[in-house]
Amino acid sequence: MTEEQPKRGKLGRTVALTGVVFAISLAVLSMTLLALSILPQIFPTLVSSTATFTTPLVSMTEAKPTQNSPRSEIEAVIEAARNAWVSGDADAFANLFTEDGEFVVPGQTYRGKAAIRSVIAEFSETHTNIQIQIQRMIIDGNQAVVEWRWQDTDAAGKQTVAEDAIVVDFVGTQISRWREYIDEATPRNV
């Protein structure tokens, strides 16, 4: 065996290893591009929030800016919704919505300001001592996700404590859809 043969063996292993790394990198890149192309079909509600992310794959010159409500205005609307609940002000809560806005809670959907106003007024007549602490708020474009801790007392004196996650869609600075997920079962420190 000549001295040249071990060098060729090392070189061959290096080339093979480089080829494997290249093939894996190419496969990961291909899967990523495929995932980005089918993601909007699987999760259509994410299309608006991912459009600016996926648009550069098509063409940077074709990208169109989205009309987003300023973050501070969305925060103010969420805070106004909290305050309306706490004070039992059905008109103030309903007026935060578009004319055809939706208020969705487990098992019920209320459409339009009149229906929203009515259900909030009915709730406020039978519940007192409403307390809400906003835990966090995530805002992306014209959407917000809010976590808050809710507490109330019903007419019979029963106290309810719940952790809520709320997904809110906006048109300008008005709520077009409020979808609430309520967790009364998870143990928490009171």
N, C-alpha and C. Protein backbone atom coordinates (compact mmCIF):
# COMPACT_ATOMS: atom_id res chain seq x y z
N MET A 1 0.84 -1.16 0.00
CA MET A 1 0.00 0.00 0.00
C MET A 1 0.89 1.23 0.00
N THR A 2 0.59 2.13 -0.85
CA THR A 2 1.40 3.34 -0.93
C THR A 2 0.84 4.38 0.03
N GLU A 3 1.63 5.40 0.24
CA GLU A 3 1.23 6.50 1.13
C GLU A 3 0.04 7.26 0.54
N GLU A 4 -0.10 7.20 -0.76
CA GLU A 4 -1.17 7.92 -1.46
C GLU A 4 -2.53 7.29 -1.16
N GLN A 5 -2.65 5.98 -0.94
CA GLN A 5 -3.94 5.31 -0.73
C GLN A 5 -4.65 5.75 0.56
N PRO A 6 -3.98 5.85 1.73
CA PRO A 6 -4.69 6.33 2.91
C PRO A 6 -5.21 7.77 2.74
N LYS A 7 -4.47 8.63 2.02
CA LYS A 7 -4.92 9.99 1.79
C LYS A 7 -6.19 9.99 0.95
N ARG A 8 -6.22 9.08 -0.09
CA ARG A 8 -7.42 9.00 -0.93
C ARG A 8 -8.60 8.49 -0.12
N GLY A 9 -8.37 7.59 0.83
CA GLY A 9 -9.44 7.07 1.68
C GLY A 9 -10.04 8.17 2.55
N LYS A 10 -9.16 8.99 3.13
CA LYS A 10 -9.63 10.12 3.94
C LYS A 10 -10.39 11.11 3.08
N LEU A 11 -9.86 11.39 1.90
CA LEU A 11 -10.50 12.32 0.99
C LEU A 11 -11.87 11.78 0.57
N GLY A 12 -11.95 10.50 0.31
CA GLY A 12 -13.23 9.88 -0.08
C GLY A 12 -14.27 9.99 1.03
N ARG A 13 -13.83 9.73 2.28
CA ARG A 13 -14.76 9.86 3.41
C ARG A 13 -15.21 11.31 3.58
N THR A 14 -14.30 12.25 3.41
CA THR A 14 -14.63 13.67 3.54
C THR A 14 -15.64 14.08 2.47
N VAL A 15 -15.40 13.65 1.23
CA VAL A 15 -16.32 13.97 0.14
C VAL A 15 -17.69 13.34 0.41
N ALA A 16 -17.71 12.10 0.87
CA ALA A 16 -18.98 11.42 1.16
C ALA A 16 -19.73 12.13 2.29
N LEU A 17 -19.02 12.51 3.34
CA LEU A 17 -19.65 13.20 4.46
C LEU A 17 -20.20 14.56 4.01
N THR A 18 -19.45 15.27 3.20
CA THR A 18 -19.91 16.55 2.66
C THR A 18 -21.17 16.36 1.82
N GLY A 19 -21.21 15.30 1.04
CA GLY A 19 -22.39 14.99 0.24
C GLY A 19 -23.60 14.71 1.10
N VAL A 20 -23.41 13.97 2.18
CA VAL A 20 -24.52 13.66 3.09
C VAL A 20 -25.04 14.94 3.74
N VAL A 21 -24.14 15.78 4.22
CA VAL A 21 -24.54 17.05 4.85
C VAL A 21 -25.29 17.92 3.84
N PHE A 22 -24.79 17.97 2.59
CA PHE A 22 -25.45 18.74 1.55
C PHE A 22 -26.85 18.19 1.27
N ALA A 23 -26.98 16.88 1.18
CA ALA A 23 -28.28 16.26 0.90
C ALA A 23 -29.27 16.53 2.04
N ILE A 24 -28.83 16.45 3.28
CA ILE A 24 -29.70 16.73 4.42
C ILE A 24 -30.13 18.20 4.40
N SER A 25 -29.19 19.10 4.14
CA SER A 25 -29.51 20.53 4.08
C SER A 25 -30.52 20.81 2.98
N LEU A 26 -30.35 20.19 1.83
CA LEU A 26 -31.27 20.36 0.71
C LEU A 26 -32.65 19.83 1.07
N ALA A 27 -32.71 18.69 1.76
CA ALA A 27 -33.99 18.10 2.17
C ALA A 27 -34.71 19.01 3.16
N VAL A 28 -33.98 19.56 4.14
CA VAL A 28 -34.58 20.47 5.12
C VAL A 28 -35.11 21.72 4.43
N LEU A 29 -34.33 22.29 3.52
CA LEU A 29 -34.77 23.47 2.78
C LEU A 29 -36.01 23.16 1.96
N SER A 30 -36.04 22.02 1.29
CA SER A 30 -37.21 21.63 0.49
C SER A 30 -38.44 21.46 1.36
N MET A 31 -38.29 20.82 2.53
CA MET A 31 -39.43 20.62 3.42
C MET A 31 -39.93 21.96 3.96
N THR A 32 -39.02 22.87 4.25
CA THR A 32 -39.41 24.19 4.74
C THR A 32 -40.21 24.94 3.69
N LEU A 33 -39.72 24.94 2.44
CA LEU A 33 -40.44 25.62 1.37
C LEU A 33 -41.80 24.97 1.11
N LEU A 34 -41.87 23.66 1.18
CA LEU A 34 -43.14 22.96 1.01
C LEU A 34 -44.10 23.32 2.14
N ALA A 35 -43.60 23.34 3.36
CA ALA A 35 -44.45 23.69 4.51
C ALA A 35 -44.99 25.11 4.36
N LEU A 36 -44.16 26.03 3.92
CA LEU A 36 -44.60 27.41 3.74
C LEU A 36 -45.64 27.54 2.64
N SER A 37 -45.55 26.67 1.64
CA SER A 37 -46.53 26.76 0.55
C SER A 37 -47.86 26.13 0.91
N ILE A 38 -47.87 25.12 1.81
CA ILE A 38 -49.15 24.49 2.17
C ILE A 38 -49.70 25.00 3.50
N LEU A 39 -48.92 25.73 4.28
CA LEU A 39 -49.38 26.24 5.57
C LEU A 39 -50.67 27.06 5.45
N PRO A 40 -50.78 27.97 4.47
CA PRO A 40 -52.03 28.73 4.36
C PRO A 40 -53.25 27.86 4.04
N GLN A 41 -53.04 26.74 3.37
CA GLN A 41 -54.15 25.85 3.06
C GLN A 41 -54.59 25.08 4.30
N ILE A 42 -53.65 24.75 5.18
CA ILE A 42 -53.97 24.00 6.39
C ILE A 42 -54.56 24.93 7.45
N PHE A 43 -53.98 26.11 7.59
CA PHE A 43 -54.43 27.07 8.58
C PHE A 43 -54.80 28.37 7.88
N PRO A 44 -55.98 28.44 7.25
CA PRO A 44 -56.30 29.64 6.48
C PRO A 44 -56.36 30.92 7.30
N THR A 45 -56.64 30.81 8.61
CA THR A 45 -56.70 32.03 9.42
C THR A 45 -55.32 32.65 9.61
N LEU A 46 -54.27 31.88 9.34
CA LEU A 46 -52.92 32.43 9.48
C LEU A 46 -52.46 33.15 8.23
N VAL A 47 -53.22 33.03 7.13
CA VAL A 47 -52.78 33.61 5.87
C VAL A 47 -52.52 35.10 6.01
N SER A 48 -53.42 35.83 6.66
CA SER A 48 -53.22 37.27 6.76
C SER A 48 -52.01 37.61 7.60
N SER A 49 -51.75 36.81 8.66
CA SER A 49 -50.61 37.14 9.51
C SER A 49 -49.30 36.63 8.94
N THR A 50 -49.34 35.63 8.03
CA THR A 50 -48.10 35.13 7.44
C THR A 50 -47.88 35.65 6.04
N ALA A 51 -48.83 36.43 5.50
CA ALA A 51 -48.72 36.88 4.12
C ALA A 51 -47.43 37.65 3.89
N THR A 52 -47.04 38.52 4.80
CA THR A 52 -45.82 39.28 4.60
C THR A 52 -44.60 38.40 4.74
N PHE A 53 -44.73 37.25 5.44
CA PHE A 53 -43.60 36.32 5.57
C PHE A 53 -43.45 35.49 4.32
N THR A 54 -44.56 35.01 3.75
CA THR A 54 -44.47 34.14 2.58
C THR A 54 -44.38 34.91 1.28
N THR A 55 -44.82 36.15 1.25
CA THR A 55 -44.80 36.94 0.03
C THR A 55 -43.42 37.06 -0.58
N PRO A 56 -42.35 37.25 0.20
CA PRO A 56 -41.03 37.36 -0.42
C PRO A 56 -40.64 36.12 -1.22
N LEU A 57 -41.23 34.96 -0.93
CA LEU A 57 -40.93 33.78 -1.73
C LEU A 57 -41.50 33.92 -3.13
N VAL A 58 -42.55 34.73 -3.31
CA VAL A 58 -43.14 34.94 -4.61
C VAL A 58 -42.40 36.06 -5.31
N SER A 59 -42.47 37.24 -4.73
CA SER A 59 -41.80 38.38 -5.33
C SER A 59 -41.84 39.56 -4.36
N MET A 60 -40.73 40.15 -4.11
CA MET A 60 -40.67 41.29 -3.20
C MET A 60 -41.44 42.48 -3.78
N THR A 61 -41.47 42.62 -5.10
CA THR A 61 -42.14 43.77 -5.70
C THR A 61 -43.65 43.62 -5.68
N GLU A 62 -44.17 42.39 -5.54
CA GLU A 62 -45.61 42.18 -5.51
C GLU A 62 -46.19 42.32 -4.11
N ALA A 63 -45.36 42.41 -3.08
CA ALA A 63 -45.86 42.48 -1.71
C ALA A 63 -46.64 43.77 -1.51
N LYS A 64 -47.83 43.64 -0.90
CA LYS A 64 -48.66 44.80 -0.64
C LYS A 64 -48.73 45.02 0.86
N PRO A 65 -48.62 46.25 1.32
CA PRO A 65 -48.70 46.49 2.76
C PRO A 65 -50.11 46.19 3.26
N THR A 66 -50.20 45.71 4.50
CA THR A 66 -51.50 45.46 5.10
C THR A 66 -51.90 46.66 5.94
N GLN A 67 -53.20 46.86 6.08
CA GLN A 67 -53.71 47.95 6.90
C GLN A 67 -53.81 47.44 8.34
N ASN A 68 -52.92 47.82 9.17
CA ASN A 68 -52.93 47.38 10.56
C ASN A 68 -53.34 48.53 11.47
N SER A 69 -54.14 48.17 12.47
CA SER A 69 -54.47 49.16 13.49
C SER A 69 -53.23 49.37 14.35
N PRO A 70 -52.98 50.59 14.75
CA PRO A 70 -51.84 50.81 15.64
C PRO A 70 -51.99 50.01 16.93
N ARG A 71 -50.90 49.45 17.38
CA ARG A 71 -50.88 48.60 18.57
C ARG A 71 -51.53 49.28 19.77
N SER A 72 -51.22 50.55 19.98
CA SER A 72 -51.76 51.25 21.14
C SER A 72 -53.28 51.37 21.07
N GLU A 73 -53.84 51.51 19.87
CA GLU A 73 -55.29 51.59 19.71
C GLU A 73 -55.95 50.24 20.04
N ILE A 74 -55.33 49.16 19.61
CA ILE A 74 -55.87 47.83 19.93
C ILE A 74 -55.79 47.59 21.43
N GLU A 75 -54.69 47.95 22.05
CA GLU A 75 -54.57 47.82 23.51
C GLU A 75 -55.66 48.62 24.21
N ALA A 76 -55.94 49.83 23.71
CA ALA A 76 -56.97 50.67 24.32
C ALA A 76 -58.36 50.04 24.18
N VAL A 77 -58.65 49.41 23.06
CA VAL A 77 -59.94 48.76 22.86
C VAL A 77 -60.09 47.57 23.81
N ILE A 78 -59.03 46.78 23.96
CA ILE A 78 -59.06 45.63 24.89
C ILE A 78 -59.28 46.13 26.32
N GLU A 79 -58.59 47.19 26.68
CA GLU A 79 -58.75 47.78 28.02
C GLU A 79 -60.18 48.31 28.20
N ALA A 80 -60.74 48.93 27.16
CA ALA A 80 -62.12 49.42 27.23
C ALA A 80 -63.10 48.26 27.38
N ALA A 81 -62.83 47.14 26.72
CA ALA A 81 -63.68 45.95 26.86
C ALA A 81 -63.63 45.44 28.30
N ARG A 82 -62.44 45.39 28.85
CA ARG A 82 -62.28 44.97 30.25
C ARG A 82 -63.09 45.89 31.16
N ASN A 83 -62.94 47.19 30.98
CA ASN A 83 -63.64 48.16 31.82
C ASN A 83 -65.15 48.06 31.68
N ALA A 84 -65.63 47.81 30.47
CA ALA A 84 -67.07 47.66 30.25
C ALA A 84 -67.61 46.45 30.99
N TRP A 85 -66.87 45.33 30.97
CA TRP A 85 -67.28 44.14 31.72
C TRP A 85 -67.34 44.45 33.21
N VAL A 86 -66.27 45.05 33.72
CA VAL A 86 -66.18 45.32 35.16
C VAL A 86 -67.31 46.24 35.62
N SER A 87 -67.64 47.24 34.83
CA SER A 87 -68.68 48.19 35.22
C SER A 87 -70.08 47.73 34.81
N GLY A 88 -70.17 46.63 34.05
CA GLY A 88 -71.47 46.14 33.60
C GLY A 88 -72.10 47.02 32.54
N ASP A 89 -71.29 47.72 31.77
CA ASP A 89 -71.78 48.65 30.76
C ASP A 89 -71.94 47.94 29.42
N ALA A 90 -73.14 47.40 29.18
CA ALA A 90 -73.41 46.64 27.96
C ALA A 90 -73.28 47.50 26.71
N ASP A 91 -73.71 48.76 26.79
CA ASP A 91 -73.61 49.66 25.64
C ASP A 91 -72.15 49.90 25.26
N ALA A 92 -71.32 50.17 26.26
CA ALA A 92 -69.89 50.42 26.00
C ALA A 92 -69.23 49.20 25.36
N PHE A 93 -69.56 47.99 25.87
CA PHE A 93 -68.97 46.78 25.30
C PHE A 93 -69.45 46.58 23.86
N ALA A 94 -70.76 46.66 23.63
CA ALA A 94 -71.31 46.44 22.29
C ALA A 94 -70.79 47.46 21.28
N ASN A 95 -70.59 48.70 21.73
CA ASN A 95 -70.11 49.74 20.82
C ASN A 95 -68.67 49.56 20.38
N LEU A 96 -67.95 48.64 20.98
CA LEU A 96 -66.58 48.33 20.55
C LEU A 96 -66.58 47.47 19.28
N PHE A 97 -67.74 46.91 18.93
CA PHE A 97 -67.86 45.97 17.81
C PHE A 97 -68.31 46.66 16.52
N THR A 98 -68.00 46.03 15.40
CA THR A 98 -68.57 46.45 14.12
C THR A 98 -70.06 46.12 14.14
N GLU A 99 -70.82 46.68 13.21
CA GLU A 99 -72.27 46.44 13.17
C GLU A 99 -72.60 44.95 13.10
N ASP A 100 -71.81 44.17 12.36
CA ASP A 100 -72.07 42.73 12.22
C ASP A 100 -71.08 41.89 13.03
N GLY A 101 -70.47 42.50 14.04
CA GLY A 101 -69.47 41.81 14.86
C GLY A 101 -70.02 40.57 15.54
N GLU A 102 -69.10 39.66 15.87
CA GLU A 102 -69.46 38.41 16.54
C GLU A 102 -68.82 38.34 17.92
N PHE A 103 -69.59 37.87 18.88
CA PHE A 103 -69.12 37.62 20.24
C PHE A 103 -69.38 36.13 20.48
N VAL A 104 -68.28 35.35 20.56
CA VAL A 104 -68.39 33.89 20.64
C VAL A 104 -67.84 33.42 21.98
N VAL A 105 -68.69 32.74 22.74
CA VAL A 105 -68.29 32.12 24.00
C VAL A 105 -68.67 30.64 23.90
N PRO A 106 -68.12 29.78 24.76
CA PRO A 106 -68.43 28.36 24.64
C PRO A 106 -69.94 28.09 24.54
N GLY A 107 -70.32 27.51 23.43
CA GLY A 107 -71.71 27.11 23.22
C GLY A 107 -72.62 28.17 22.63
N GLN A 108 -72.15 29.41 22.46
CA GLN A 108 -73.02 30.48 21.97
C GLN A 108 -72.27 31.44 21.03
N THR A 109 -72.99 31.93 20.04
CA THR A 109 -72.48 32.98 19.17
C THR A 109 -73.53 34.08 19.09
N TYR A 110 -73.12 35.31 19.34
CA TYR A 110 -74.01 36.47 19.27
C TYR A 110 -73.50 37.36 18.15
N ARG A 111 -74.39 37.71 17.20
CA ARG A 111 -74.00 38.51 16.05
C ARG A 111 -74.71 39.85 16.08
N GLY A 112 -73.95 40.90 15.83
CA GLY A 112 -74.51 42.24 15.77
C GLY A 112 -74.51 42.91 17.14
N LYS A 113 -74.44 44.23 17.10
CA LYS A 113 -74.35 45.01 18.34
C LYS A 113 -75.54 44.78 19.26
N ALA A 114 -76.75 44.68 18.69
CA ALA A 114 -77.94 44.52 19.53
C ALA A 114 -77.90 43.21 20.31
N ALA A 115 -77.51 42.13 19.66
CA ALA A 115 -77.43 40.83 20.35
C ALA A 115 -76.34 40.83 21.41
N ILE A 116 -75.21 41.46 21.08
CA ILE A 116 -74.10 41.54 22.04
C ILE A 116 -74.52 42.39 23.25
N ARG A 117 -75.12 43.53 22.98
CA ARG A 117 -75.59 44.41 24.06
C ARG A 117 -76.56 43.66 24.97
N SER A 118 -77.49 42.92 24.38
CA SER A 118 -78.51 42.20 25.13
C SER A 118 -77.91 41.15 26.06
N VAL A 119 -76.98 40.35 25.55
CA VAL A 119 -76.40 39.27 26.38
C VAL A 119 -75.54 39.85 27.49
N ILE A 120 -74.84 40.93 27.24
CA ILE A 120 -74.00 41.54 28.28
C ILE A 120 -74.89 42.17 29.34
N ALA A 121 -75.98 42.84 28.93
CA ALA A 121 -76.91 43.45 29.89
C ALA A 121 -77.54 42.38 30.77
N GLU A 122 -77.95 41.27 30.15
CA GLU A 122 -78.54 40.16 30.90
C GLU A 122 -77.56 39.59 31.93
N PHE A 123 -76.32 39.40 31.50
CA PHE A 123 -75.28 38.89 32.39
C PHE A 123 -75.05 39.86 33.55
N SER A 124 -74.98 41.13 33.24
CA SER A 124 -74.70 42.15 34.25
C SER A 124 -75.80 42.27 35.30
N GLU A 125 -77.03 41.91 34.93
CA GLU A 125 -78.14 41.95 35.88
C GLU A 125 -78.03 40.85 36.92
N THR A 126 -77.37 39.74 36.58
CA THR A 126 -77.32 38.59 37.48
C THR A 126 -75.94 38.33 38.08
N HIS A 127 -74.94 39.14 37.73
CA HIS A 127 -73.58 38.93 38.23
C HIS A 127 -73.01 40.25 38.73
N THR A 128 -72.28 40.17 39.84
CA THR A 128 -71.66 41.36 40.44
C THR A 128 -70.21 41.07 40.76
N ASN A 129 -69.56 42.06 41.31
CA ASN A 129 -68.16 41.93 41.75
C ASN A 129 -67.25 41.37 40.66
N ILE A 130 -67.45 41.84 39.45
CA ILE A 130 -66.62 41.36 38.34
C ILE A 130 -65.24 41.99 38.46
N GLN A 131 -64.24 41.13 38.45
CA GLN A 131 -62.85 41.57 38.48
C GLN A 131 -62.12 40.89 37.34
N ILE A 132 -61.32 41.65 36.64
CA ILE A 132 -60.55 41.11 35.51
C ILE A 132 -59.13 41.64 35.59
N GLN A 133 -58.18 40.72 35.59
CA GLN A 133 -56.76 41.11 35.51
C GLN A 133 -56.22 40.59 34.19
N ILE A 134 -55.77 41.52 33.36
CA ILE A 134 -55.16 41.12 32.08
C ILE A 134 -53.78 40.55 32.39
N GLN A 135 -53.57 39.30 31.99
CA GLN A 135 -52.29 38.63 32.23
C GLN A 135 -51.27 38.98 31.14
N ARG A 136 -51.74 38.90 29.89
CA ARG A 136 -50.88 39.30 28.77
C ARG A 136 -51.71 39.52 27.53
N MET A 137 -51.10 40.25 26.59
CA MET A 137 -51.76 40.59 25.34
C MET A 137 -50.72 40.46 24.24
N ILE A 138 -51.08 39.74 23.19
CA ILE A 138 -50.20 39.58 22.04
C ILE A 138 -50.94 40.18 20.85
N ILE A 139 -50.30 41.11 20.16
CA ILE A 139 -50.94 41.79 19.04
C ILE A 139 -50.11 41.54 17.78
N ASP A 140 -50.81 41.13 16.72
CA ASP A 140 -50.17 40.90 15.43
C ASP A 140 -51.10 41.46 14.36
N GLY A 141 -50.73 42.58 13.79
CA GLY A 141 -51.56 43.19 12.76
C GLY A 141 -52.91 43.58 13.34
N ASN A 142 -53.98 43.06 12.75
CA ASN A 142 -55.33 43.36 13.19
C ASN A 142 -55.92 42.26 14.04
N GLN A 143 -55.07 41.55 14.75
CA GLN A 143 -55.51 40.48 15.63
C GLN A 143 -54.82 40.62 16.98
N ALA A 144 -55.53 40.19 18.01
CA ALA A 144 -54.95 40.20 19.35
C ALA A 144 -55.35 38.91 20.06
N VAL A 145 -54.48 38.44 20.91
CA VAL A 145 -54.79 37.33 21.80
C VAL A 145 -54.58 37.85 23.20
N VAL A 146 -55.60 37.65 24.03
CA VAL A 146 -55.56 38.18 25.39
C VAL A 146 -55.77 37.04 26.37
N GLU A 147 -54.97 37.01 27.41
CA GLU A 147 -55.21 36.11 28.53
C GLU A 147 -55.60 36.99 29.70
N TRP A 148 -56.74 36.65 30.31
CA TRP A 148 -57.09 37.39 31.51
C TRP A 148 -57.70 36.48 32.54
N ARG A 149 -57.61 36.92 33.78
CA ARG A 149 -58.18 36.18 34.91
C ARG A 149 -59.48 36.87 35.28
N TRP A 150 -60.55 36.09 35.27
CA TRP A 150 -61.91 36.59 35.48
C TRP A 150 -62.43 36.10 36.82
N GLN A 151 -63.16 36.96 37.50
CA GLN A 151 -63.81 36.58 38.75
C GLN A 151 -65.14 37.31 38.83
N ASP A 152 -66.21 36.59 39.23
CA ASP A 152 -67.51 37.23 39.42
C ASP A 152 -68.30 36.49 40.49
N THR A 153 -69.41 37.08 40.91
CA THR A 153 -70.32 36.46 41.87
C THR A 153 -71.72 36.50 41.26
N ASP A 154 -72.39 35.35 41.20
CA ASP A 154 -73.74 35.35 40.62
C ASP A 154 -74.79 35.71 41.67
N ALA A 155 -76.06 35.77 41.27
CA ALA A 155 -77.15 36.20 42.15
C ALA A 155 -77.32 35.29 43.35
N ALA A 156 -76.93 34.03 43.23
CA ALA A 156 -77.04 33.08 44.35
C ALA A 156 -75.84 33.15 45.29
N GLY A 157 -74.86 34.01 44.97
CA GLY A 157 -73.68 34.16 45.81
C GLY A 157 -72.52 33.25 45.42
N LYS A 158 -72.70 32.47 44.35
CA LYS A 158 -71.62 31.57 43.90
C LYS A 158 -70.55 32.39 43.17
N GLN A 159 -69.30 32.17 43.59
CA GLN A 159 -68.19 32.88 42.97
C GLN A 159 -67.58 32.01 41.87
N THR A 160 -67.31 32.62 40.74
CA THR A 160 -66.66 31.94 39.62
C THR A 160 -65.30 32.58 39.40
N VAL A 161 -64.31 31.74 39.25
CA VAL A 161 -62.97 32.20 38.89
C VAL A 161 -62.57 31.42 37.65
N ALA A 162 -62.09 32.11 36.64
CA ALA A 162 -61.73 31.45 35.39
C ALA A 162 -60.53 32.13 34.76
N GLU A 163 -59.81 31.35 34.01
CA GLU A 163 -58.73 31.86 33.17
C GLU A 163 -59.28 31.86 31.75
N ASP A 164 -59.23 33.00 31.08
CA ASP A 164 -59.77 33.12 29.73
C ASP A 164 -58.66 33.39 28.74
N ALA A 165 -58.79 32.79 27.56
CA ALA A 165 -57.97 33.15 26.41
C ALA A 165 -58.94 33.67 25.37
N ILE A 166 -58.67 34.83 24.83
CA ILE A 166 -59.59 35.49 23.92
C ILE A 166 -58.84 35.86 22.65
N VAL A 167 -59.39 35.47 21.52
CA VAL A 167 -58.83 35.84 20.22
C VAL A 167 -59.74 36.92 19.65
N VAL A 168 -59.15 38.07 19.33
CA VAL A 168 -59.94 39.21 18.88
C VAL A 168 -59.45 39.65 17.51
N ASP A 169 -60.40 39.76 16.56
CA ASP A 169 -60.10 40.26 15.22
C ASP A 169 -60.66 41.67 15.11
N PHE A 170 -59.91 42.54 14.44
CA PHE A 170 -60.29 43.95 14.31
C PHE A 170 -60.46 44.35 12.86
N VAL A 171 -61.37 45.28 12.64
CA VAL A 171 -61.47 46.03 11.39
C VAL A 171 -61.26 47.47 11.83
N GLY A 172 -60.12 48.00 11.46
CA GLY A 172 -59.75 49.32 11.98
C GLY A 172 -59.57 49.21 13.48
N THR A 173 -60.33 50.00 14.22
CA THR A 173 -60.24 49.94 15.68
C THR A 173 -61.50 49.35 16.30
N GLN A 174 -62.30 48.67 15.49
CA GLN A 174 -63.49 48.01 16.02
C GLN A 174 -63.32 46.50 15.97
N ILE A 175 -63.95 45.83 16.91
CA ILE A 175 -63.87 44.37 16.99
C ILE A 175 -64.84 43.76 15.98
N SER A 176 -64.33 42.88 15.13
CA SER A 176 -65.20 42.16 14.20
C SER A 176 -65.55 40.78 14.74
N ARG A 177 -64.66 40.22 15.57
CA ARG A 177 -64.92 38.90 16.16
C ARG A 177 -64.17 38.78 17.47
N TRP A 178 -64.87 38.33 18.49
CA TRP A 178 -64.32 38.10 19.84
C TRP A 178 -64.61 36.65 20.14
N ARG A 179 -63.58 35.80 20.18
CA ARG A 179 -63.75 34.37 20.44
C ARG A 179 -63.08 34.05 21.76
N GLU A 180 -63.89 33.62 22.74
CA GLU A 180 -63.41 33.42 24.10
C GLU A 180 -63.36 31.94 24.46
N TYR A 181 -62.25 31.53 25.05
CA TYR A 181 -62.06 30.16 25.55
C TYR A 181 -61.94 30.29 27.07
N ILE A 182 -62.82 29.63 27.80
CA ILE A 182 -62.90 29.82 29.25
C ILE A 182 -62.49 28.53 29.96
N ASP A 183 -61.55 28.65 30.90
CA ASP A 183 -61.07 27.51 31.67
C ASP A 183 -61.40 27.75 33.14
N GLU A 184 -62.38 27.00 33.63
CA GLU A 184 -62.74 27.08 35.06
C GLU A 184 -62.21 25.88 35.84
N ALA A 185 -61.56 24.94 35.14
CA ALA A 185 -61.19 23.68 35.77
C ALA A 185 -59.74 23.63 36.28
N THR A 186 -58.85 24.36 35.63
CA THR A 186 -57.45 24.28 36.00
C THR A 186 -57.23 24.89 37.38
N PRO A 187 -56.60 24.16 38.28
CA PRO A 187 -56.33 24.72 39.62
C PRO A 187 -55.45 25.96 39.52
N ARG A 188 -55.74 26.91 40.37
CA ARG A 188 -54.95 28.14 40.38
C ARG A 188 -54.82 28.63 41.81
N ASN A 189 -53.85 29.44 42.04
CA ASN A 189 -53.68 30.05 43.36
C ASN A 189 -54.57 31.27 43.44
N VAL A 190 -55.48 31.29 44.42
CA VAL A 190 -56.40 32.41 44.57
C VAL A 190 -55.87 33.38 45.59
